PDB file of all heavy atoms in Angstrom:
ATOM      1  N   GLY A   1       0.809  -1.249  -0.013  1.00  0.00           N
ATOM      2  CA  GLY A   1       0.007  -0.022  -0.001  1.00  0.00           C
ATOM      3  C   GLY A   1       0.818   1.264  -0.018  1.00  0.00           C
ATOM      4  O   GLY A   1       2.049   1.249   0.115  1.00  0.00           O
ATOM      5  N   GLN A   2       0.181   2.329  -0.178  1.00  0.00           N
ATOM      6  CA  GLN A   2       0.790   3.656  -0.221  1.00  0.00           C
ATOM      7  C   GLN A   2       0.866   4.267   1.161  1.00  0.00           C
ATOM      8  O   GLN A   2      -0.184   4.358   1.836  1.00  0.00           O
ATOM      9  CB  GLN A   2       0.070   4.586  -1.162  1.00  0.00           C
ATOM     10  CG  GLN A   2       0.593   5.964  -1.290  1.00  0.00           C
ATOM     11  CD  GLN A   2      -0.360   6.937  -1.893  1.00  0.00           C
ATOM     12  OE1 GLN A   2      -1.585   6.973  -1.671  1.00  0.00           O
ATOM     13  NE2 GLN A   2       0.125   7.787  -2.903  1.00  0.00           N
ATOM     14  N   TRP A   3       2.062   4.806   1.618  1.00  0.00           N
ATOM     15  CA  TRP A   3       2.133   5.509   2.773  1.00  0.00           C
ATOM     16  C   TRP A   3       2.519   6.971   2.452  1.00  0.00           C
ATOM     17  O   TRP A   3       3.257   7.239   1.504  1.00  0.00           O
ATOM     18  CB  TRP A   3       3.272   4.954   3.740  1.00  0.00           C
ATOM     19  CG  TRP A   3       2.753   3.722   4.447  1.00  0.00           C
ATOM     20  CD1 TRP A   3       3.157   2.455   4.163  1.00  0.00           C
ATOM     21  CD2 TRP A   3       2.010   3.717   5.601  1.00  0.00           C
ATOM     22  NE1 TRP A   3       2.553   1.544   5.056  1.00  0.00           N
ATOM     23  CE2 TRP A   3       1.915   2.364   6.016  1.00  0.00           C
ATOM     24  CE3 TRP A   3       1.395   4.628   6.429  1.00  0.00           C
ATOM     25  CZ2 TRP A   3       1.197   1.843   7.128  1.00  0.00           C
ATOM     26  CZ3 TRP A   3       0.747   4.276   7.586  1.00  0.00           C
ATOM     27  CH2 TRP A   3       0.652   2.972   7.909  1.00  0.00           C
ATOM     28  N   LEU A   4       2.013   7.892   3.138  1.00  0.00           N
ATOM     29  CA  LEU A   4       2.243   9.350   3.125  1.00  0.00           C
ATOM     30  C   LEU A   4       2.663   9.824   4.523  1.00  0.00           C
ATOM     31  O   LEU A   4       2.201   9.244   5.533  1.00  0.00           O
ATOM     32  CB  LEU A   4       1.123  10.114   2.599  1.00  0.00           C
ATOM     33  CG  LEU A   4       0.495   9.805   1.193  1.00  0.00           C
ATOM     34  CD1 LEU A   4      -0.700   8.956   1.414  1.00  0.00           C
ATOM     35  CD2 LEU A   4       0.177  11.106   0.407  1.00  0.00           C
ATOM     36  N   ARG A   5       3.493  10.804   4.563  1.00  0.00           N
ATOM     37  CA  ARG A   5       3.571  11.551   5.780  1.00  0.00           C
ATOM     38  C   ARG A   5       2.365  12.416   5.906  1.00  0.00           C
ATOM     39  O   ARG A   5       1.845  12.884   5.031  1.00  0.00           O
ATOM     40  CB  ARG A   5       4.817  12.475   5.764  1.00  0.00           C
ATOM     41  CG  ARG A   5       6.220  11.832   5.862  1.00  0.00           C
ATOM     42  CD  ARG A   5       6.500  11.400   7.296  1.00  0.00           C
ATOM     43  NE  ARG A   5       6.721  12.455   8.226  1.00  0.00           N
ATOM     44  CZ  ARG A   5       7.940  12.921   8.540  1.00  0.00           C
ATOM     45  NH1 ARG A   5       8.986  12.338   7.916  1.00  0.00           N
ATOM     46  NH2 ARG A   5       8.049  13.879   9.381  1.00  0.00           N
ATOM     47  N   ALA A   6       1.850  12.454   7.115  1.00  0.00           N
ATOM     48  CA  ALA A   6       0.659  13.226   7.511  1.00  0.00           C
ATOM     49  C   ALA A   6       0.841  14.014   8.789  1.00  0.00           C
ATOM     50  O   ALA A   6       0.285  13.735   9.786  1.00  0.00           O
ATOM     51  CB  ALA A   6      -0.535  12.334   7.630  1.00  0.00           C
ATOM     52  N   ASP A   7       1.805  14.988   8.694  1.00  0.00           N
ATOM     53  CA  ASP A   7       2.306  15.587   9.927  1.00  0.00           C
ATOM     54  C   ASP A   7       1.445  16.562  10.512  1.00  0.00           C
ATOM     55  O   ASP A   7       0.773  17.405   9.837  1.00  0.00           O
ATOM     56  CB  ASP A   7       3.707  16.305   9.567  1.00  0.00           C
ATOM     57  CG  ASP A   7       4.781  15.217   9.219  1.00  0.00           C
ATOM     58  OD1 ASP A   7       4.802  14.147   9.730  1.00  0.00           O
ATOM     59  OD2 ASP A   7       5.649  15.534   8.283  1.00  0.00           O
ATOM     60  N   PRO A   8       1.474  16.695  11.915  1.00  0.00           N
ATOM     61  CA  PRO A   8       0.582  17.647  12.528  1.00  0.00           C
ATOM     62  C   PRO A   8       0.987  19.065  12.324  1.00  0.00           C
ATOM     63  O   PRO A   8       2.174  19.323  12.341  1.00  0.00           O
ATOM     64  CB  PRO A   8       0.716  17.251  13.938  1.00  0.00           C
ATOM     65  CG  PRO A   8       2.043  16.622  14.126  1.00  0.00           C
ATOM     66  CD  PRO A   8       2.267  15.987  12.769  1.00  0.00           C
ATOM     67  N   VAL A   9      -0.009  19.936  12.071  1.00  0.00           N
ATOM     68  CA  VAL A   9       0.400  21.393  11.831  1.00  0.00           C
ATOM     69  C   VAL A   9      -0.692  22.258  12.509  1.00  0.00           C
ATOM     70  O   VAL A   9      -1.727  21.818  12.913  1.00  0.00           O
ATOM     71  CB  VAL A   9       0.328  21.679  10.352  1.00  0.00           C
ATOM     72  CG1 VAL A   9       1.424  20.929   9.568  1.00  0.00           C
ATOM     73  CG2 VAL A   9      -1.028  21.405   9.695  1.00  0.00           C
ATOM     74  N   HIS A  10      -0.295  23.483  12.690  1.00  0.00           N
ATOM     75  CA  HIS A  10      -1.224  24.497  13.155  1.00  0.00           C
ATOM     76  C   HIS A  10      -1.467  25.451  11.966  1.00  0.00           C
ATOM     77  O   HIS A  10      -0.524  25.980  11.338  1.00  0.00           O
ATOM     78  CB  HIS A  10      -0.678  25.330  14.343  1.00  0.00           C
ATOM     79  CG  HIS A  10      -1.451  26.460  14.715  1.00  0.00           C
ATOM     80  ND1 HIS A  10      -2.691  26.374  15.342  1.00  0.00           N
ATOM     81  CD2 HIS A  10      -1.330  27.920  14.505  1.00  0.00           C
ATOM     82  CE1 HIS A  10      -3.280  27.522  15.495  1.00  0.00           C
ATOM     83  NE2 HIS A  10      -2.317  28.410  15.059  1.00  0.00           N
ATOM     84  N   LEU A  11      -2.719  25.618  11.644  1.00  0.00           N
ATOM     85  CA  LEU A  11      -3.228  26.477  10.581  1.00  0.00           C
ATOM     86  C   LEU A  11      -3.761  27.811  11.265  1.00  0.00           C
ATOM     87  O   LEU A  11      -4.619  27.671  12.109  1.00  0.00           O
ATOM     88  CB  LEU A  11      -4.321  25.801   9.715  1.00  0.00           C
ATOM     89  CG  LEU A  11      -3.829  24.477   9.071  1.00  0.00           C
ATOM     90  CD1 LEU A  11      -5.032  23.817   8.458  1.00  0.00           C
ATOM     91  CD2 LEU A  11      -2.731  24.679   8.058  1.00  0.00           C
ATOM     92  N   ARG A  12      -3.199  28.882  10.773  1.00  0.00           N
ATOM     93  CA  ARG A  12      -3.735  30.166  11.264  1.00  0.00           C
ATOM     94  C   ARG A  12      -4.337  30.958  10.105  1.00  0.00           C
ATOM     95  O   ARG A  12      -3.717  31.311   9.205  1.00  0.00           O
ATOM     96  CB  ARG A  12      -2.565  31.040  11.899  1.00  0.00           C
ATOM     97  CG  ARG A  12      -2.983  32.352  12.430  1.00  0.00           C
ATOM     98  CD  ARG A  12      -1.763  33.008  13.133  1.00  0.00           C
ATOM     99  NE  ARG A  12      -1.223  32.170  14.247  1.00  0.00           N
ATOM    100  CZ  ARG A  12      -0.168  32.462  14.824  1.00  0.00           C
ATOM    101  NH1 ARG A  12       0.655  33.445  14.518  1.00  0.00           N
ATOM    102  NH2 ARG A  12       0.253  31.675  15.942  1.00  0.00           N
ATOM    103  N   ALA A  13      -5.644  31.279  10.306  1.00  0.00           N
ATOM    104  CA  ALA A  13      -6.377  31.871   9.209  1.00  0.00           C
ATOM    105  C   ALA A  13      -6.293  33.422   9.372  1.00  0.00           C
ATOM    106  O   ALA A  13      -6.486  33.953  10.501  1.00  0.00           O
ATOM    107  CB  ALA A  13      -7.836  31.524   9.262  1.00  0.00           C
ATOM    108  N   GLY A  14      -5.905  34.119   8.271  1.00  0.00           N
ATOM    109  CA  GLY A  14      -5.977  35.628   8.267  1.00  0.00           C
ATOM    110  C   GLY A  14      -7.217  36.043   7.457  1.00  0.00           C
ATOM    111  O   GLY A  14      -8.045  35.211   7.198  1.00  0.00           O
ATOM    112  N   LEU A  15      -7.158  37.341   7.106  1.00  0.00           N
ATOM    113  CA  LEU A  15      -8.290  37.768   6.364  1.00  0.00           C
ATOM    114  C   LEU A  15      -8.413  37.187   4.920  1.00  0.00           C
ATOM    115  O   LEU A  15      -9.500  36.906   4.475  1.00  0.00           O
ATOM    116  CB  LEU A  15      -8.158  39.341   6.205  1.00  0.00           C
ATOM    117  CG  LEU A  15      -8.318  40.102   7.557  1.00  0.00           C
ATOM    118  CD1 LEU A  15      -8.087  41.593   7.274  1.00  0.00           C
ATOM    119  CD2 LEU A  15      -9.665  39.902   8.133  1.00  0.00           C
ATOM    120  N   GLN A  16      -7.245  37.018   4.297  1.00  0.00           N
ATOM    121  CA  GLN A  16      -7.206  36.463   2.930  1.00  0.00           C
ATOM    122  C   GLN A  16      -6.424  35.218   2.731  1.00  0.00           C
ATOM    123  O   GLN A  16      -6.506  34.550   1.751  1.00  0.00           O
ATOM    124  CB  GLN A  16      -6.864  37.489   1.991  1.00  0.00           C
ATOM    125  CG  GLN A  16      -7.740  38.761   1.863  1.00  0.00           C
ATOM    126  CD  GLN A  16      -7.314  39.704   0.880  1.00  0.00           C
ATOM    127  OE1 GLN A  16      -6.130  39.985   0.671  1.00  0.00           O
ATOM    128  NE2 GLN A  16      -8.280  40.453   0.336  1.00  0.00           N
ATOM    129  N   HIS A  17      -5.582  34.881   3.769  1.00  0.00           N
ATOM    130  CA  HIS A  17      -4.611  33.727   3.609  1.00  0.00           C
ATOM    131  C   HIS A  17      -4.646  32.942   4.863  1.00  0.00           C
ATOM    132  O   HIS A  17      -5.014  33.268   5.972  1.00  0.00           O
ATOM    133  CB  HIS A  17      -3.213  34.352   3.292  1.00  0.00           C
ATOM    134  CG  HIS A  17      -3.089  35.145   2.133  1.00  0.00           C
ATOM    135  ND1 HIS A  17      -3.009  34.608   0.826  1.00  0.00           N
ATOM    136  CD2 HIS A  17      -2.944  36.490   1.931  1.00  0.00           C
ATOM    137  CE1 HIS A  17      -2.933  35.636  -0.020  1.00  0.00           C
ATOM    138  NE2 HIS A  17      -2.885  36.769   0.645  1.00  0.00           N
ATOM    139  N   VAL A  18      -4.071  31.703   4.655  1.00  0.00           N
ATOM    140  CA  VAL A  18      -3.839  30.772   5.769  1.00  0.00           C
ATOM    141  C   VAL A  18      -2.375  30.537   5.872  1.00  0.00           C
ATOM    142  O   VAL A  18      -1.780  30.238   4.852  1.00  0.00           O
ATOM    143  CB  VAL A  18      -4.614  29.438   5.533  1.00  0.00           C
ATOM    144  CG1 VAL A  18      -4.237  28.444   6.661  1.00  0.00           C
ATOM    145  CG2 VAL A  18      -6.125  29.701   5.594  1.00  0.00           C
ATOM    146  N   THR A  19      -1.773  30.669   7.075  1.00  0.00           N
ATOM    147  CA  THR A  19      -0.429  30.339   7.297  1.00  0.00           C
ATOM    148  C   THR A  19      -0.290  28.976   8.005  1.00  0.00           C
ATOM    149  O   THR A  19      -1.066  28.785   8.990  1.00  0.00           O
ATOM    150  CB  THR A  19       0.325  31.550   8.140  1.00  0.00           C
ATOM    151  OG1 THR A  19       0.068  32.692   7.511  1.00  0.00           O
ATOM    152  CG2 THR A  19       1.796  31.260   8.308  1.00  0.00           C
ATOM    153  N   MET A  20       0.707  28.212   7.672  1.00  0.00           N
ATOM    154  CA  MET A  20       0.860  26.935   8.319  1.00  0.00           C
ATOM    155  C   MET A  20       2.170  26.813   9.080  1.00  0.00           C
ATOM    156  O   MET A  20       3.180  27.252   8.561  1.00  0.00           O
ATOM    157  CB  MET A  20       0.866  25.734   7.260  1.00  0.00           C
ATOM    158  CG  MET A  20       0.951  24.353   7.763  1.00  0.00           C
ATOM    159  SD  MET A  20       0.637  23.061   6.496  1.00  0.00           S
ATOM    160  CE  MET A  20       2.026  23.446   5.394  1.00  0.00           C
ATOM    161  N   PHE A  21       2.069  26.285  10.304  1.00  0.00           N
ATOM    162  CA  PHE A  21       3.225  26.127  11.114  1.00  0.00           C
ATOM    163  C   PHE A  21       3.424  24.660  11.446  1.00  0.00           C
ATOM    164  O   PHE A  21       2.372  23.921  11.707  1.00  0.00           O
ATOM    165  CB  PHE A  21       2.964  26.939  12.435  1.00  0.00           C
ATOM    166  CG  PHE A  21       2.855  28.447  12.252  1.00  0.00           C
ATOM    167  CD1 PHE A  21       1.640  28.918  12.080  1.00  0.00           C
ATOM    168  CD2 PHE A  21       3.951  29.271  12.229  1.00  0.00           C
ATOM    169  CE1 PHE A  21       1.373  30.345  11.896  1.00  0.00           C
ATOM    170  CE2 PHE A  21       3.761  30.573  11.910  1.00  0.00           C
ATOM    171  CZ  PHE A  21       2.526  31.191  11.725  1.00  0.00           C
ATOM    172  N   ASP A  22       4.693  24.266  11.520  1.00  0.00           N
ATOM    173  CA  ASP A  22       4.999  22.949  11.838  1.00  0.00           C
ATOM    174  C   ASP A  22       5.565  22.885  13.215  1.00  0.00           C
ATOM    175  O   ASP A  22       5.417  23.808  14.063  1.00  0.00           O
ATOM    176  CB  ASP A  22       6.014  22.303  10.842  1.00  0.00           C
ATOM    177  CG  ASP A  22       7.411  23.000  10.846  1.00  0.00           C
ATOM    178  OD1 ASP A  22       7.562  23.961  11.685  1.00  0.00           O
ATOM    179  OD2 ASP A  22       8.304  22.650  10.081  1.00  0.00           O
ATOM    180  N   GLY A  23       6.153  21.669  13.578  1.00  0.00           N
ATOM    181  CA  GLY A  23       6.595  21.432  14.997  1.00  0.00           C
ATOM    182  C   GLY A  23       7.678  22.335  15.513  1.00  0.00           C
ATOM    183  O   GLY A  23       8.002  22.363  16.687  1.00  0.00           O
ATOM    184  N   ARG A  24       8.274  23.177  14.743  1.00  0.00           N
ATOM    185  CA  ARG A  24       9.232  24.159  15.105  1.00  0.00           C
ATOM    186  C   ARG A  24       8.436  25.337  15.938  1.00  0.00           C
ATOM    187  O   ARG A  24       9.094  26.000  16.705  1.00  0.00           O
ATOM    188  CB  ARG A  24      10.049  24.744  13.950  1.00  0.00           C
ATOM    189  CG  ARG A  24      10.946  23.765  13.314  1.00  0.00           C
ATOM    190  CD  ARG A  24      11.541  24.403  12.028  1.00  0.00           C
ATOM    191  NE  ARG A  24      10.476  24.610  11.052  1.00  0.00           N
ATOM    192  CZ  ARG A  24      10.725  25.040   9.705  1.00  0.00           C
ATOM    193  NH1 ARG A  24      11.981  25.411   9.473  1.00  0.00           N
ATOM    194  NH2 ARG A  24       9.769  25.112   8.901  1.00  0.00           N
ATOM    195  N   ALA A  25       7.169  25.402  15.752  1.00  0.00           N
ATOM    196  CA  ALA A  25       6.394  26.491  16.348  1.00  0.00           C
ATOM    197  C   ALA A  25       5.580  25.961  17.674  1.00  0.00           C
ATOM    198  O   ALA A  25       4.995  26.818  18.340  1.00  0.00           O
ATOM    199  CB  ALA A  25       5.492  27.052  15.335  1.00  0.00           C
ATOM    200  N   PHE A  26       5.634  24.675  17.859  1.00  0.00           N
ATOM    201  CA  PHE A  26       4.898  24.192  18.964  1.00  0.00           C
ATOM    202  C   PHE A  26       5.436  22.843  19.472  1.00  0.00           C
ATOM    203  O   PHE A  26       6.259  22.149  18.700  1.00  0.00           O
ATOM    204  CB  PHE A  26       3.448  23.949  18.668  1.00  0.00           C
ATOM    205  CG  PHE A  26       3.120  22.991  17.432  1.00  0.00           C
ATOM    206  CD1 PHE A  26       3.192  21.608  17.538  1.00  0.00           C
ATOM    207  CD2 PHE A  26       2.904  23.549  16.143  1.00  0.00           C
ATOM    208  CE1 PHE A  26       3.047  20.736  16.453  1.00  0.00           C
ATOM    209  CE2 PHE A  26       2.696  22.691  15.075  1.00  0.00           C
ATOM    210  CZ  PHE A  26       2.787  21.374  15.179  1.00  0.00           C
TER     211      PHE A  26
END
């Protein structure tokens, strides 16, 4: 079967964009 990384992230929504943070931020 197929494996993918599915890493936990924090998504921060702005007015028009979404910024994504990885484990360096939490």
